[in-house]
Amino acid sequence: MNPQVITYLVLVLSGIYALNVVFSLVRAKRQAETVYFRPLRFVAAIVVFLLALFAVITNVTYDELVVKIESWFR
């Protein structure tokens, strides 16, 4: 697979997961049901989505972006 395709795939999958969490919370609130909310997973999905979105906008692959971020912490 092309690295650019993987970047779009990460963008789409993390976005779908975040939207699924939001919609399930809204639906559960409307129907007075209980739902398990895992805030760390939700925040992680949002962070990954934003990184992938930044990678798509700047025309950088997600792998290159992660390597740049890792170099900041070395």
C-alpha atoms as a PDB file:
ATOM      1  CA  MET A   1       0.000   0.000   0.000  1.00  0.00           C
ATOM      2  CA  ASN A   2       1.029   3.526  -0.702  1.00  0.00           C
ATOM      3  CA  PRO A   3       1.920   5.549   2.452  1.00  0.00           C
ATOM      4  CA  GLN A   4      -0.495   8.289   1.370  1.00  0.00           C
ATOM      5  CA  VAL A   5      -3.312   5.723   1.268  1.00  0.00           C
ATOM      6  CA  ILE A   6      -2.437   4.640   4.796  1.00  0.00           C
ATOM      7  CA  THR A   7      -2.635   8.282   5.906  1.00  0.00           C
ATOM      8  CA  TYR A   8      -6.149   8.591   4.477  1.00  0.00           C
ATOM      9  CA  LEU A   9      -7.087   5.255   6.025  1.00  0.00           C
ATOM     10  CA  VAL A  10      -5.930   6.406   9.465  1.00  0.00           C
ATOM     11  CA  LEU A  11      -7.878   9.647   8.990  1.00  0.00           C
ATOM     12  CA  VAL A  12     -11.089   7.870   8.037  1.00  0.00           C
ATOM     13  CA  LEU A  13     -10.930   5.127  10.667  1.00  0.00           C
ATOM     14  CA  SER A  14     -10.134   7.440  13.554  1.00  0.00           C
ATOM     15  CA  GLY A  15     -12.881   9.819  12.429  1.00  0.00           C
ATOM     16  CA  ILE A  16     -15.410   7.005  12.224  1.00  0.00           C
ATOM     17  CA  TYR A  17     -14.467   5.806  15.708  1.00  0.00           C
ATOM     18  CA  ALA A  18     -14.788   9.300  17.208  1.00  0.00           C
ATOM     19  CA  LEU A  19     -18.145   9.881  15.515  1.00  0.00           C
ATOM     20  CA  ASN A  20     -19.372   6.488  16.681  1.00  0.00           C
ATOM     21  CA  VAL A  21     -18.521   7.379  20.281  1.00  0.00           C
ATOM     22  CA  VAL A  22     -20.313  10.718  20.044  1.00  0.00           C
ATOM     23  CA  PHE A  23     -23.422   9.255  18.401  1.00  0.00           C
ATOM     24  CA  SER A  24     -23.635   6.394  20.900  1.00  0.00           C
ATOM     25  CA  LEU A  25     -23.407   8.868  23.794  1.00  0.00           C
ATOM     26  CA  VAL A  26     -26.144  11.053  22.308  1.00  0.00           C
ATOM     27  CA  ARG A  27     -28.372   8.051  21.596  1.00  0.00           C
ATOM     28  CA  ALA A  28     -27.863   6.649  25.084  1.00  0.00           C
ATOM     29  CA  LYS A  29     -28.707   9.987  26.664  1.00  0.00           C
ATOM     30  CA  ARG A  30     -31.912  10.327  24.635  1.00  0.00           C
ATOM     31  CA  GLN A  31     -33.067   6.793  25.434  1.00  0.00           C
ATOM     32  CA  ALA A  32     -31.913   6.924  29.070  1.00  0.00           C
ATOM     33  CA  GLU A  33     -29.565   3.988  28.589  1.00  0.00           C
ATOM     34  CA  THR A  34     -26.160   3.388  30.077  1.00  0.00           C
ATOM     35  CA  VAL A  35     -23.057   3.300  27.960  1.00  0.00           C
ATOM     36  CA  TYR A  36     -19.419   2.837  28.810  1.00  0.00           C
ATOM     37  CA  PHE A  37     -17.438   5.912  27.912  1.00  0.00           C
ATOM     38  CA  ARG A  38     -13.687   5.505  27.670  1.00  0.00           C
ATOM     39  CA  PRO A  39     -12.306   9.056  27.613  1.00  0.00           C
ATOM     40  CA  LEU A  40      -8.684   8.064  26.967  1.00  0.00           C
ATOM     41  CA  ARG A  41      -9.628   6.132  23.852  1.00  0.00           C
ATOM     42  CA  PHE A  42     -11.800   9.005  22.679  1.00  0.00           C
ATOM     43  CA  VAL A  43      -9.054  11.588  23.240  1.00  0.00           C
ATOM     44  CA  ALA A  44      -6.524   9.313  21.530  1.00  0.00           C
ATOM     45  CA  ALA A  45      -8.831   8.941  18.527  1.00  0.00           C
ATOM     46  CA  ILE A  46      -9.247  12.715  18.304  1.00  0.00           C
ATOM     47  CA  VAL A  47      -5.475  13.270  18.520  1.00  0.00           C
ATOM     48  CA  VAL A  48      -4.803  10.662  15.815  1.00  0.00           C
ATOM     49  CA  PHE A  49      -7.540  12.190  13.658  1.00  0.00           C
ATOM     50  CA  LEU A  50      -6.061  15.678  14.003  1.00  0.00           C
ATOM     51  CA  LEU A  51      -2.553  14.420  13.219  1.00  0.00           C
ATOM     52  CA  ALA A  52      -3.803  12.583  10.144  1.00  0.00           C
ATOM     53  CA  LEU A  53      -5.780  15.641   9.058  1.00  0.00           C
ATOM     54  CA  PHE A  54      -2.669  17.790   9.430  1.00  0.00           C
ATOM     55  CA  ALA A  55      -0.708  15.225   7.412  1.00  0.00           C
ATOM     56  CA  VAL A  56      -3.283  15.296   4.614  1.00  0.00           C
ATOM     57  CA  ILE A  57      -3.441  19.103   4.536  1.00  0.00           C
ATOM     58  CA  THR A  58       0.358  19.506   4.464  1.00  0.00           C
ATOM     59  CA  ASN A  59       0.784  16.631   1.985  1.00  0.00           C
ATOM     60  CA  VAL A  60       3.011  14.646   4.339  1.00  0.00           C
ATOM     61  CA  THR A  61       2.528  10.975   5.043  1.00  0.00           C
ATOM     62  CA  TYR A  62       1.435   9.940   8.505  1.00  0.00           C
ATOM     63  CA  ASP A  63       4.676   7.975   8.975  1.00  0.00           C
ATOM     64  CA  GLU A  64       6.818  11.036   8.241  1.00  0.00           C
ATOM     65  CA  LEU A  65       4.749  13.098  10.672  1.00  0.00           C
ATOM     66  CA  VAL A  66       5.154  10.534  13.454  1.00  0.00           C
ATOM     67  CA  VAL A  67       8.922  10.443  12.874  1.00  0.00           C
ATOM     68  CA  LYS A  68       9.057  14.257  13.162  1.00  0.00           C
ATOM     69  CA  ILE A  69       7.121  14.163  16.420  1.00  0.00           C
ATOM     70  CA  GLU A  70       9.362  11.419  17.799  1.00  0.00           C
ATOM     71  CA  SER A  71      12.443  13.502  16.958  1.00  0.00           C
ATOM     72  CA  TRP A  72      11.094  16.347  19.117  1.00  0.00           C
ATOM     73  CA  PHE A  73      11.176  14.074  22.178  1.00  0.00           C
ATOM     74  CA  ARG A  74      14.718  12.820  21.687  1.00  0.00           C
END
